Amino acid sequence: MNAWNPNAGELKKDGDIWKISMLINEGIYQYIFVIDGTESVDSMNPESISNGMGGSNSLLIVGRQRKKKPSLESISYTENEVKFSVNGWNRTNHILGKQKP
């Protein structure tokens, strides 16, 4: 939303509520709050994900999201062909070209 720049969007207090307004596209966004220089997840949001550095980020989900995520699974392969399943459809083949040394 702001490229992890804590100065790019500052919350403003409106009564007892802190607010920010921005236009964002449909999707899933990770965020954290920076309060007096300290990073903190949103304690009011149960949706979070590992940040890959031993901590967590809160998740903001905007718009409708697919219930089933796309998946690709290899079924079998030979030297020249890979058979794979896309979301359970087993009819897809991909012919691989040989690389020249």
Protein backbone atom coordinates (compact mmCIF):
# COMPACT_ATOMS: atom_id res chain seq x y z
CA MET A 1 0.00 0.00 0.00
CA ASN A 2 2.86 2.37 0.76
CA ALA A 3 5.96 0.25 -0.07
CA TRP A 4 6.64 -0.25 3.67
CA ASN A 5 7.43 3.46 4.09
CA PRO A 6 6.15 4.46 7.56
CA ASN A 7 6.15 8.13 6.55
CA ALA A 8 4.10 7.61 3.35
CA GLY A 9 0.73 7.45 5.09
CA GLU A 10 0.06 8.83 8.52
CA LEU A 11 -3.05 7.98 10.51
CA LYS A 12 -5.10 10.93 11.79
CA LYS A 13 -7.09 10.82 15.02
CA ASP A 14 -10.85 11.42 14.66
CA GLY A 15 -12.37 11.29 18.15
CA ASP A 16 -11.27 7.94 19.59
CA ILE A 17 -10.50 6.42 16.16
CA TRP A 18 -7.31 6.62 14.13
CA LYS A 19 -8.03 6.84 10.38
CA ILE A 20 -6.33 6.93 7.01
CA SER A 21 -7.89 7.14 3.55
CA MET A 22 -6.27 5.74 0.40
CA LEU A 23 -7.31 4.15 -2.86
CA ILE A 24 -6.17 0.55 -3.21
CA ASN A 25 -6.95 -2.22 -5.67
CA GLU A 26 -8.67 -5.49 -4.86
CA GLY A 27 -6.24 -7.95 -3.33
CA ILE A 28 -4.54 -9.10 -0.15
CA TYR A 29 -2.25 -6.64 1.59
CA GLN A 30 0.17 -7.04 4.48
CA TYR A 31 0.57 -4.19 6.95
CA ILE A 32 1.91 -3.24 10.36
CA PHE A 33 1.52 -0.17 12.53
CA VAL A 34 4.56 1.87 13.53
CA ILE A 35 3.79 3.44 16.89
CA ASP A 36 6.46 5.72 18.33
CA GLY A 37 9.04 3.92 16.17
CA THR A 38 7.97 0.41 17.24
CA GLU A 39 6.36 -2.01 14.77
CA SER A 40 3.13 -3.64 15.94
CA VAL A 41 0.52 -5.91 14.37
CA ASP A 42 -3.10 -4.78 14.41
CA SER A 43 -4.42 -6.27 17.67
CA MET A 44 -8.02 -5.86 16.44
CA ASN A 45 -7.41 -7.91 13.27
CA PRO A 46 -7.23 -11.72 13.69
CA GLU A 47 -5.84 -12.18 10.14
CA SER A 48 -2.02 -12.28 10.09
CA ILE A 49 0.88 -13.96 8.30
CA SER A 50 4.54 -14.60 9.06
CA ASN A 51 6.81 -11.80 7.86
CA GLY A 52 9.66 -14.26 7.29
CA MET A 53 11.82 -12.54 9.89
CA GLY A 54 10.42 -14.04 13.09
CA GLY A 55 7.44 -11.69 13.36
CA SER A 56 4.03 -11.22 11.82
CA ASN A 57 2.19 -8.79 9.57
CA SER A 58 -1.54 -8.10 9.68
CA LEU A 59 -3.58 -8.88 6.54
CA LEU A 60 -6.09 -6.62 4.82
CA ILE A 61 -8.33 -8.45 2.33
CA VAL A 62 -10.02 -6.12 -0.18
CA GLY A 63 -12.77 -7.41 -2.46
CA ARG A 64 -13.87 -10.95 -3.15
CA GLN A 65 -11.13 -13.54 -3.08
CA ARG A 66 -11.25 -16.96 -4.67
CA LYS A 67 -12.18 -19.65 -2.21
CA LYS A 68 -9.95 -22.18 -3.97
CA LYS A 69 -6.46 -21.04 -4.81
CA PRO A 70 -5.02 -22.12 -8.17
CA SER A 71 -2.81 -25.18 -7.87
CA LEU A 72 -0.43 -26.92 -10.22
CA GLU A 73 0.75 -30.47 -9.53
CA SER A 74 2.98 -32.66 -11.69
CA ILE A 75 1.54 -36.14 -12.28
CA SER A 76 4.29 -37.77 -14.31
CA TYR A 77 7.17 -36.85 -16.53
CA THR A 78 9.48 -38.26 -19.15
CA GLU A 79 12.50 -36.77 -20.85
CA ASN A 80 10.27 -34.81 -23.26
CA GLU A 81 6.87 -34.49 -21.60
CA VAL A 82 5.40 -33.37 -18.30
CA LYS A 83 1.82 -34.25 -17.39
CA PHE A 84 0.32 -32.01 -14.77
CA SER A 85 -2.94 -31.27 -13.05
CA VAL A 86 -4.36 -27.76 -12.81
CA ASN A 87 -6.89 -27.59 -9.96
CA GLY A 88 -7.57 -31.29 -10.39
CA TRP A 89 -7.91 -31.30 -14.20
CA ASN A 90 -5.54 -34.04 -15.40
CA ARG A 91 -5.81 -33.43 -19.14
CA THR A 92 -3.01 -30.93 -19.59
CA ASN A 93 0.30 -31.92 -21.17
CA HIS A 94 3.28 -29.73 -21.86
CA ILE A 95 5.94 -30.86 -24.33
CA LEU A 96 9.39 -29.72 -23.30
CA GLY A 97 11.97 -28.74 -25.84
CA LYS A 98 15.43 -30.24 -25.49
CA GLN A 99 18.22 -27.85 -24.65
CA LYS A 100 21.33 -28.05 -26.79
CA PRO A 101 24.65 -28.28 -24.92
